[in-house]
C-alpha atoms as a PDB file:
ATOM      1  CA  MET A   1       0.232  -0.275   0.154  1.00  0.00           C
ATOM      2  CA  THR A   2       1.324   3.670  -0.532  1.00  0.00           C
ATOM      3  CA  LYS A   3       2.361   5.270   1.984  1.00  0.00           C
ATOM      4  CA  ARG A   4       0.213   8.690   2.427  1.00  0.00           C
ATOM      5  CA  THR A   5       1.631  11.800   2.867  1.00  0.00           C
ATOM      6  CA  VAL A   6       0.161  15.017   4.437  1.00  0.00           C
ATOM      7  CA  LEU A   7       0.947  18.544   5.243  1.00  0.00           C
ATOM      8  CA  ILE A   8      -0.109  20.578   8.187  1.00  0.00           C
ATOM      9  CA  THR A   9       0.200  24.065   9.038  1.00  0.00           C
ATOM     10  CA  GLY A  10      -0.139  25.383  12.871  1.00  0.00           C
ATOM     11  CA  ALA A  11       1.563  22.199  13.294  1.00  0.00           C
ATOM     12  CA  ALA A  12       2.870  23.968  16.785  1.00  0.00           C
ATOM     13  CA  GLY A  13      -0.532  24.865  18.263  1.00  0.00           C
ATOM     14  CA  GLY A  14      -2.835  22.882  19.845  1.00  0.00           C
ATOM     15  CA  ILE A  15      -5.049  21.907  17.723  1.00  0.00           C
ATOM     16  CA  GLY A  16      -2.243  21.295  15.301  1.00  0.00           C
ATOM     17  CA  ARG A  17      -0.352  18.842  16.946  1.00  0.00           C
ATOM     18  CA  ALA A  18      -2.984  16.823  17.826  1.00  0.00           C
ATOM     19  CA  ILE A  19      -4.174  16.683  14.207  1.00  0.00           C
ATOM     20  CA  VAL A  20      -0.129  15.672  13.775  1.00  0.00           C
ATOM     21  CA  ALA A  21      -0.807  13.055  16.295  1.00  0.00           C
ATOM     22  CA  ARG A  22      -3.287  11.612  14.829  1.00  0.00           C
ATOM     23  CA  PHE A  23      -1.859  11.098  11.295  1.00  0.00           C
ATOM     24  CA  VAL A  24       1.398   9.485  12.434  1.00  0.00           C
ATOM     25  CA  GLU A  25      -0.391   7.353  14.650  1.00  0.00           C
ATOM     26  CA  ALA A  26      -2.583   6.393  11.474  1.00  0.00           C
ATOM     27  CA  GLY A  27       1.179   5.775   9.901  1.00  0.00           C
ATOM     28  CA  TRP A  28       0.614   8.863   7.389  1.00  0.00           C
ATOM     29  CA  GLU A  29       3.855  10.906   6.699  1.00  0.00           C
ATOM     30  CA  VAL A  30       3.747  13.847   8.007  1.00  0.00           C
ATOM     31  CA  ILE A  31       5.123  17.196   7.463  1.00  0.00           C
ATOM     32  CA  GLY A  32       4.247  20.550   9.754  1.00  0.00           C
ATOM     33  CA  TRP A  33       4.639  24.110   8.936  1.00  0.00           C
ATOM     34  CA  ASP A  34       4.267  26.593  11.852  1.00  0.00           C
ATOM     35  CA  LYS A  35       5.811  30.436  12.431  1.00  0.00           C
ATOM     36  CA  ALA A  36       6.970  28.647  15.463  1.00  0.00           C
ATOM     37  CA  PRO A  37      10.402  26.955  16.583  1.00  0.00           C
ATOM     38  CA  GLN A  38      10.273  22.820  16.709  1.00  0.00           C
ATOM     39  CA  PRO A  39       8.474  21.959  19.631  1.00  0.00           C
ATOM     40  CA  ALA A  40      10.827  19.918  21.666  1.00  0.00           C
ATOM     41  CA  ASP A  41       7.947  17.034  21.860  1.00  0.00           C
ATOM     42  CA  PHE A  42       7.253  17.269  18.473  1.00  0.00           C
ATOM     43  CA  PRO A  43       7.308  13.484  16.968  1.00  0.00           C
ATOM     44  CA  ALA A  44      10.582  12.474  15.513  1.00  0.00           C
ATOM     45  CA  GLN A  45       8.984  10.503  12.925  1.00  0.00           C
ATOM     46  CA  ALA A  46       7.366  13.904  11.332  1.00  0.00           C
ATOM     47  CA  HIS A  47       9.090  16.928   9.348  1.00  0.00           C
ATOM     48  CA  TYR A  48       8.679  20.450  11.021  1.00  0.00           C
ATOM     49  CA  GLN A  49       9.582  23.674   8.791  1.00  0.00           C
ATOM     50  CA  GLN A  50       9.449  27.171  10.376  1.00  0.00           C
ATOM     51  CA  VAL A  51       7.629  28.844   7.859  1.00  0.00           C
ATOM     52  CA  ASN A  52       5.743  32.395   8.109  1.00  0.00           C
ATOM     53  CA  LEU A  53       2.300  31.432   6.403  1.00  0.00           C
ATOM     54  CA  ALA A  54       1.631  35.559   6.417  1.00  0.00           C
ATOM     55  CA  ASP A  55       4.259  35.646   4.040  1.00  0.00           C
ATOM     56  CA  PRO A  56       3.324  34.623   0.421  1.00  0.00           C
ATOM     57  CA  ALA A  57       7.405  34.511  -0.715  1.00  0.00           C
ATOM     58  CA  ALA A  58       8.130  32.256   2.248  1.00  0.00           C
ATOM     59  CA  ILE A  59       5.109  29.895   1.472  1.00  0.00           C
ATOM     60  CA  GLU A  60       6.446  29.696  -1.752  1.00  0.00           C
ATOM     61  CA  THR A  61      10.204  28.722  -1.358  1.00  0.00           C
ATOM     62  CA  ALA A  62       8.904  26.397   1.475  1.00  0.00           C
ATOM     63  CA  GLY A  63       5.865  24.684  -1.347  1.00  0.00           C
ATOM     64  CA  LYS A  64       8.726  24.125  -3.420  1.00  0.00           C
ATOM     65  CA  LYS A  65      10.819  22.089  -1.108  1.00  0.00           C
ATOM     66  CA  VAL A  66       8.125  19.711  -0.200  1.00  0.00           C
ATOM     67  CA  ARG A  67       6.941  19.430  -3.537  1.00  0.00           C
ATOM     68  CA  ALA A  68      10.514  18.281  -5.100  1.00  0.00           C
ATOM     69  CA  ALA A  69      10.974  15.942  -1.696  1.00  0.00           C
ATOM     70  CA  HIS A  70       7.095  15.252  -2.288  1.00  0.00           C
ATOM     71  CA  PRO A  71       6.019  14.778  -5.728  1.00  0.00           C
ATOM     72  CA  LYS A  72       2.966  13.162  -3.854  1.00  0.00           C
ATOM     73  CA  LEU A  73       0.928  15.049  -1.613  1.00  0.00           C
ATOM     74  CA  HIS A  74      -2.468  12.968  -0.244  1.00  0.00           C
ATOM     75  CA  ALA A  75      -3.762  15.582   1.715  1.00  0.00           C
ATOM     76  CA  VAL A  76      -3.190  19.331   3.286  1.00  0.00           C
ATOM     77  CA  VAL A  77      -4.798  20.597   6.020  1.00  0.00           C
ATOM     78  CA  ASN A  78      -5.069  24.269   6.771  1.00  0.00           C
ATOM     79  CA  ASN A  79      -5.406  24.520  10.202  1.00  0.00           C
ATOM     80  CA  ALA A  80      -2.811  27.862  10.686  1.00  0.00           C
ATOM     81  CA  ALA A  81      -5.411  30.418  12.279  1.00  0.00           C
ATOM     82  CA  LEU A  82      -4.564  33.887  14.186  1.00  0.00           C
ATOM     83  CA  GLN A  83      -7.519  35.545  16.497  1.00  0.00           C
ATOM     84  CA  ILE A  84      -7.660  39.051  17.448  1.00  0.00           C
ATOM     85  CA  ALA A  85     -10.575  39.817  19.647  1.00  0.00           C
ATOM     86  CA  LYS A  86     -11.629  43.165  19.455  1.00  0.00           C
ATOM     87  CA  PRO A  87     -14.513  45.531  18.988  1.00  0.00           C
ATOM     88  CA  LEU A  88     -14.723  46.095  15.570  1.00  0.00           C
ATOM     89  CA  LEU A  89     -14.843  49.503  15.321  1.00  0.00           C
ATOM     90  CA  GLU A  90     -11.301  49.381  17.633  1.00  0.00           C
ATOM     91  CA  THR A  91      -9.597  46.753  14.953  1.00  0.00           C
ATOM     92  CA  SER A  92      -7.299  48.693  12.669  1.00  0.00           C
ATOM     93  CA  VAL A  93      -6.556  48.103   9.182  1.00  0.00           C
ATOM     94  CA  GLU A  94      -3.396  46.208   9.535  1.00  0.00           C
ATOM     95  CA  GLU A  95      -5.552  43.704  12.599  1.00  0.00           C
ATOM     96  CA  TRP A  96      -8.058  42.620  10.287  1.00  0.00           C
ATOM     97  CA  ASP A  97      -5.468  41.963   7.113  1.00  0.00           C
ATOM     98  CA  ALA A  98      -3.170  40.647   9.523  1.00  0.00           C
ATOM     99  CA  VAL A  99      -5.890  38.055  10.822  1.00  0.00           C
ATOM    100  CA  HIS A 100      -7.492  36.721   6.875  1.00  0.00           C
ATOM    101  CA  ALA A 101      -3.871  36.859   6.309  1.00  0.00           C
ATOM    102  CA  VAL A 102      -3.007  34.544   7.900  1.00  0.00           C
ATOM    103  CA  ASN A 103      -6.691  32.468   8.372  1.00  0.00           C
ATOM    104  CA  LEU A 104      -8.013  33.028   4.978  1.00  0.00           C
ATOM    105  CA  ARG A 105      -4.920  33.510   2.630  1.00  0.00           C
ATOM    106  CA  ALA A 106      -2.412  31.810   3.750  1.00  0.00           C
ATOM    107  CA  ALA A 107      -5.215  28.582   3.026  1.00  0.00           C
ATOM    108  CA  PHE A 108      -5.919  29.808  -0.430  1.00  0.00           C
ATOM    109  CA  LEU A 109      -1.466  29.665  -1.118  1.00  0.00           C
ATOM    110  CA  VAL A 110      -0.814  27.107   0.716  1.00  0.00           C
ATOM    111  CA  SER A 111      -3.510  24.765  -1.454  1.00  0.00           C
ATOM    112  CA  LYS A 112      -2.472  26.838  -4.615  1.00  0.00           C
ATOM    113  CA  THR A 113       1.390  26.189  -4.294  1.00  0.00           C
ATOM    114  CA  LEU A 114       0.602  22.063  -3.583  1.00  0.00           C
ATOM    115  CA  PHE A 115      -1.681  21.778  -6.131  1.00  0.00           C
ATOM    116  CA  PRO A 116       0.321  20.194  -8.119  1.00  0.00           C
ATOM    117  CA  ALA A 117       1.181  17.407  -5.452  1.00  0.00           C
ATOM    118  CA  LEU A 118      -2.063  16.755  -4.913  1.00  0.00           C
ATOM    119  CA  ARG A 119      -2.795  16.538  -8.519  1.00  0.00           C
ATOM    120  CA  ALA A 120      -0.298  13.995  -8.710  1.00  0.00           C
ATOM    121  CA  ALA A 121      -2.039  11.409  -6.095  1.00  0.00           C
ATOM    122  CA  GLY A 122      -5.432  12.228  -6.860  1.00  0.00           C
ATOM    123  CA  GLU A 123      -4.935  11.667 -10.334  1.00  0.00           C
ATOM    124  CA  ALA A 124      -3.344   8.685  -9.587  1.00  0.00           C
ATOM    125  CA  GLY A 125      -6.516   7.199  -7.685  1.00  0.00           C
ATOM    126  CA  GLU A 126      -4.603   7.178  -4.610  1.00  0.00           C
ATOM    127  CA  GLY A 127      -6.976   9.951  -3.217  1.00  0.00           C
ATOM    128  CA  ALA A 128      -6.094  13.586  -2.514  1.00  0.00           C
ATOM    129  CA  ALA A 129      -8.231  15.594   0.190  1.00  0.00           C
ATOM    130  CA  VAL A 130      -7.560  19.469   1.497  1.00  0.00           C
ATOM    131  CA  VAL A 131      -9.376  20.235   4.927  1.00  0.00           C
ATOM    132  CA  HIS A 132      -9.498  23.504   5.944  1.00  0.00           C
ATOM    133  CA  VAL A 133      -9.769  23.957   9.620  1.00  0.00           C
ATOM    134  CA  SER A 134     -12.903  27.121  10.117  1.00  0.00           C
ATOM    135  CA  SER A 135     -14.504  27.583  12.939  1.00  0.00           C
ATOM    136  CA  VAL A 136     -18.277  28.050  13.855  1.00  0.00           C
ATOM    137  CA  HIS A 137     -17.545  31.051  13.919  1.00  0.00           C
ATOM    138  CA  ALA A 138     -18.474  30.751  10.340  1.00  0.00           C
ATOM    139  CA  ILE A 139     -21.609  30.121  11.246  1.00  0.00           C
ATOM    140  CA  ALA A 140     -22.727  31.693  14.375  1.00  0.00           C
ATOM    141  CA  THR A 141     -20.457  34.401  15.947  1.00  0.00           C
ATOM    142  CA  SER A 142     -20.240  36.976  19.078  1.00  0.00           C
ATOM    143  CA  ALA A 143     -18.772  40.125  19.581  1.00  0.00           C
ATOM    144  CA  ASN A 144     -15.610  41.544  19.877  1.00  0.00           C
ATOM    145  CA  ILE A 145     -14.015  38.549  17.477  1.00  0.00           C
ATOM    146  CA  ALA A 146     -15.434  40.332  13.783  1.00  0.00           C
ATOM    147  CA  ALA A 147     -12.369  39.923  12.240  1.00  0.00           C
ATOM    148  CA  TYR A 148     -11.774  35.963  12.870  1.00  0.00           C
ATOM    149  CA  ALA A 149     -15.419  35.176  12.289  1.00  0.00           C
ATOM    150  CA  ALA A 150     -15.571  36.642   8.989  1.00  0.00           C
ATOM    151  CA  SER A 151     -11.789  35.266   7.487  1.00  0.00           C
ATOM    152  CA  LYS A 152     -13.110  31.750   8.687  1.00  0.00           C
ATOM    153  CA  GLY A 153     -16.635  32.703   6.691  1.00  0.00           C
ATOM    154  CA  GLY A 154     -14.397  32.632   3.533  1.00  0.00           C
ATOM    155  CA  LEU A 155     -12.506  30.283   4.409  1.00  0.00           C
ATOM    156  CA  LEU A 156     -15.527  28.140   4.451  1.00  0.00           C
ATOM    157  CA  ALA A 157     -16.909  29.702   1.047  1.00  0.00           C
ATOM    158  CA  LEU A 158     -13.189  28.703  -0.351  1.00  0.00           C
ATOM    159  CA  THR A 159     -14.443  25.158   0.626  1.00  0.00           C
ATOM    160  CA  ARG A 160     -17.012  25.515  -1.585  1.00  0.00           C
ATOM    161  CA  ALA A 161     -15.199  26.388  -4.122  1.00  0.00           C
ATOM    162  CA  MET A 162     -12.075  24.782  -4.419  1.00  0.00           C
ATOM    163  CA  ALA A 163     -14.206  21.591  -4.238  1.00  0.00           C
ATOM    164  CA  ILE A 164     -15.932  22.425  -7.646  1.00  0.00           C
ATOM    165  CA  GLU A 165     -13.083  23.620  -9.537  1.00  0.00           C
ATOM    166  CA  TRP A 166     -10.745  20.511  -8.325  1.00  0.00           C
ATOM    167  CA  ALA A 167     -12.884  17.614  -8.352  1.00  0.00           C
ATOM    168  CA  PRO A 168     -11.396  16.892 -12.080  1.00  0.00           C
ATOM    169  CA  TYR A 169      -8.305  16.188 -10.492  1.00  0.00           C
ATOM    170  CA  GLY A 170      -9.157  14.107  -8.138  1.00  0.00           C
ATOM    171  CA  ILE A 171      -9.223  15.926  -4.505  1.00  0.00           C
ATOM    172  CA  ARG A 172     -11.612  16.535  -2.084  1.00  0.00           C
ATOM    173  CA  VAL A 173     -11.819  19.498  -0.344  1.00  0.00           C
ATOM    174  CA  ASN A 174     -13.745  19.968   3.299  1.00  0.00           C
ATOM    175  CA  ALA A 175     -13.979  22.445   6.564  1.00  0.00           C
ATOM    176  CA  VAL A 176     -14.358  21.086  10.121  1.00  0.00           C
ATOM    177  CA  LEU A 177     -16.106  23.444  12.170  1.00  0.00           C
ATOM    178  CA  PRO A 178     -14.606  23.671  15.646  1.00  0.00           C
ATOM    179  CA  GLY A 179     -16.233  25.158  18.365  1.00  0.00           C
ATOM    180  CA  ALA A 180     -15.426  25.313  22.224  1.00  0.00           C
ATOM    181  CA  VAL A 181     -12.284  23.449  22.308  1.00  0.00           C
ATOM    182  CA  ASP A 182      -9.406  24.112  25.013  1.00  0.00           C
ATOM    183  CA  THR A 183      -6.685  25.398  23.131  1.00  0.00           C
ATOM    184  CA  PRO A 184      -4.088  28.392  24.380  1.00  0.00           C
ATOM    185  CA  MET A 185      -6.291  30.247  21.746  1.00  0.00           C
ATOM    186  CA  LEU A 186      -9.377  29.423  23.216  1.00  0.00           C
ATOM    187  CA  ARG A 187      -8.318  30.707  26.613  1.00  0.00           C
ATOM    188  CA  ALA A 188      -6.257  33.826  24.791  1.00  0.00           C
ATOM    189  CA  GLY A 189      -9.900  34.827  23.897  1.00  0.00           C
ATOM    190  CA  LEU A 190     -11.827  34.516  27.493  1.00  0.00           C
ATOM    191  CA  ALA A 191     -11.218  38.154  27.832  1.00  0.00           C
ATOM    192  CA  ARG A 192     -13.078  39.107  25.056  1.00  0.00           C
ATOM    193  CA  GLY A 193     -16.267  40.097  27.666  1.00  0.00           C
ATOM    194  CA  HIS A 194     -19.044  37.372  26.190  1.00  0.00           C
ATOM    195  CA  LEU A 195     -18.429  35.101  29.564  1.00  0.00           C
ATOM    196  CA  HIS A 196     -19.081  36.013  33.317  1.00  0.00           C
ATOM    197  CA  GLY A 197     -16.480  36.650  35.552  1.00  0.00           C
ATOM    198  CA  ASP A 198     -12.755  36.992  35.494  1.00  0.00           C
ATOM    199  CA  ALA A 199     -11.546  33.082  36.729  1.00  0.00           C
ATOM    200  CA  VAL A 200     -10.386  31.553  33.518  1.00  0.00           C
ATOM    201  CA  GLU A 201     -11.819  27.964  35.281  1.00  0.00           C
ATOM    202  CA  ALA A 202     -15.220  29.926  35.710  1.00  0.00           C
ATOM    203  CA  GLN A 203     -15.639  30.779  32.264  1.00  0.00           C
ATOM    204  CA  LEU A 204     -14.391  27.495  30.592  1.00  0.00           C
ATOM    205  CA  ALA A 205     -17.461  25.947  32.846  1.00  0.00           C
ATOM    206  CA  GLU A 206     -19.615  28.623  31.639  1.00  0.00           C
ATOM    207  CA  LEU A 207     -18.769  27.816  27.987  1.00  0.00           C
ATOM    208  CA  ALA A 208     -19.510  24.148  28.772  1.00  0.00           C
ATOM    209  CA  ARG A 209     -22.579  24.573  29.866  1.00  0.00           C
ATOM    210  CA  ARG A 210     -23.750  26.542  26.812  1.00  0.00           C
ATOM    211  CA  THR A 211     -23.074  23.126  24.600  1.00  0.00           C
ATOM    212  CA  VAL A 212     -25.512  20.487  24.128  1.00  0.00           C
ATOM    213  CA  ASN A 213     -22.849  17.951  25.277  1.00  0.00           C
ATOM    214  CA  GLY A 214     -22.401  20.014  28.752  1.00  0.00           C
ATOM    215  CA  ARG A 215     -18.579  20.174  27.956  1.00  0.00           C
ATOM    216  CA  ILE A 216     -15.379  21.737  26.356  1.00  0.00           C
ATOM    217  CA  GLY A 217     -14.118  19.958  23.422  1.00  0.00           C
ATOM    218  CA  LYS A 218     -10.827  18.107  23.552  1.00  0.00           C
ATOM    219  CA  PRO A 219      -7.673  18.698  20.658  1.00  0.00           C
ATOM    220  CA  ALA A 220      -7.555  15.359  19.791  1.00  0.00           C
ATOM    221  CA  GLU A 221     -11.358  14.923  19.109  1.00  0.00           C
ATOM    222  CA  ILE A 222     -11.021  17.830  16.203  1.00  0.00           C
ATOM    223  CA  ALA A 223      -8.093  15.725  14.929  1.00  0.00           C
ATOM    224  CA  ALA A 224     -10.772  12.676  14.748  1.00  0.00           C
ATOM    225  CA  ALA A 225     -12.956  14.636  12.672  1.00  0.00           C
ATOM    226  CA  VAL A 226      -9.829  15.919  10.441  1.00  0.00           C
ATOM    227  CA  TYR A 227      -8.301  12.696   9.754  1.00  0.00           C
ATOM    228  CA  PHE A 228     -11.807  11.149   8.587  1.00  0.00           C
ATOM    229  CA  LEU A 229     -12.208  13.965   6.060  1.00  0.00           C
ATOM    230  CA  ALA A 230      -8.622  13.114   4.902  1.00  0.00           C
ATOM    231  CA  ASP A 231      -8.753   9.737   4.711  1.00  0.00           C
ATOM    232  CA  GLU A 232     -10.167   8.415   1.184  1.00  0.00           C
ATOM    233  CA  SER A 233     -11.402   5.041   2.627  1.00  0.00           C
ATOM    234  CA  GLN A 234     -13.444   6.759   4.811  1.00  0.00           C
ATOM    235  CA  SER A 235     -14.957   9.972   3.340  1.00  0.00           C
ATOM    236  CA  SER A 236     -14.679   9.820  -0.440  1.00  0.00           C
ATOM    237  CA  PHE A 237     -18.108  10.959  -1.406  1.00  0.00           C
ATOM    238  CA  MET A 238     -17.785  13.867   0.577  1.00  0.00           C
ATOM    239  CA  THR A 239     -16.694  17.106  -0.945  1.00  0.00           C
ATOM    240  CA  GLY A 240     -16.910  20.988  -0.459  1.00  0.00           C
ATOM    241  CA  GLN A 241     -18.625  20.166   3.353  1.00  0.00           C
ATOM    242  CA  PRO A 242     -18.776  21.845   6.711  1.00  0.00           C
ATOM    243  CA  LEU A 243     -18.210  19.582   9.125  1.00  0.00           C
ATOM    244  CA  VAL A 244     -19.776  21.091  12.622  1.00  0.00           C
ATOM    245  CA  VAL A 245     -17.608  19.514  15.800  1.00  0.00           C
ATOM    246  CA  ASP A 246     -19.258  21.892  18.271  1.00  0.00           C
ATOM    247  CA  GLY A 247     -20.406  19.628  21.424  1.00  0.00           C
ATOM    248  CA  GLY A 248     -23.994  20.410  19.911  1.00  0.00           C
ATOM    249  CA  ALA A 249     -23.573  24.476  20.753  1.00  0.00           C
ATOM    250  CA  THR A 250     -24.818  25.867  17.145  1.00  0.00           C
ATOM    251  CA  ALA A 251     -27.666  23.236  17.668  1.00  0.00           C
ATOM    252  CA  ARG A 252     -29.511  25.066  20.535  1.00  0.00           C
ATOM    253  CA  LEU A 253     -31.496  28.399  19.898  1.00  0.00           C
ATOM    254  CA  SER A 254     -29.930  31.581  21.383  1.00  0.00           C
ATOM    255  CA  THR A 255     -33.500  32.615  22.624  1.00  0.00           C
ATOM    256  CA  GLU A 256     -33.451  28.891  25.520  1.00  0.00           C
END
């Protein structure tokens, strides 16, 4: 059986590291990109490249190296994200652009530069997939997070557009929309005023109560959903679709 290869952006973050671990566990060859230095506990059998995903030239340079080493890629996971939690009227143009550069433009550029390797795997009948990690903020959001919500909504629209254009090359494109997941990014955003109290644990407990499941998600649960969409043997008839993984939060009416 052909050994499958995946490239994962945002590989040093909370969800990113869980995604890396899931693919490594399944026997894939894993390439991780992140602007941060390589974490000390990054899996030894995976490859790591420090890449500034806000820089188009850096993406192109790193992409060329990946294509040279891996003429076929079976999956690309666009997971890198930047969140700026501020009221819309206080958000500068520079902050707006910074969020969109990482959350939306990078997904476009990474996918585009790696398209030849994805196409090679897809047209060989081995299966090829792009998975965008969007957010429930693409479909339901709250105050003081407009730039992030807009970028994640754009990512969902990009998912549909790419699925249509790339289907002839054997490439599927889907998105995972995580809800509240216990990561450093989630904890950093707790101060934006949408929850009661100042204590982090109390705020997390309130978030948990707002889900149907009554708890916060775990990074490994998002990683499992990403893997499902990337794995041709599990999701070969899915493309252009959002997969919401939010503990049921968006299923409940806000008026209840």
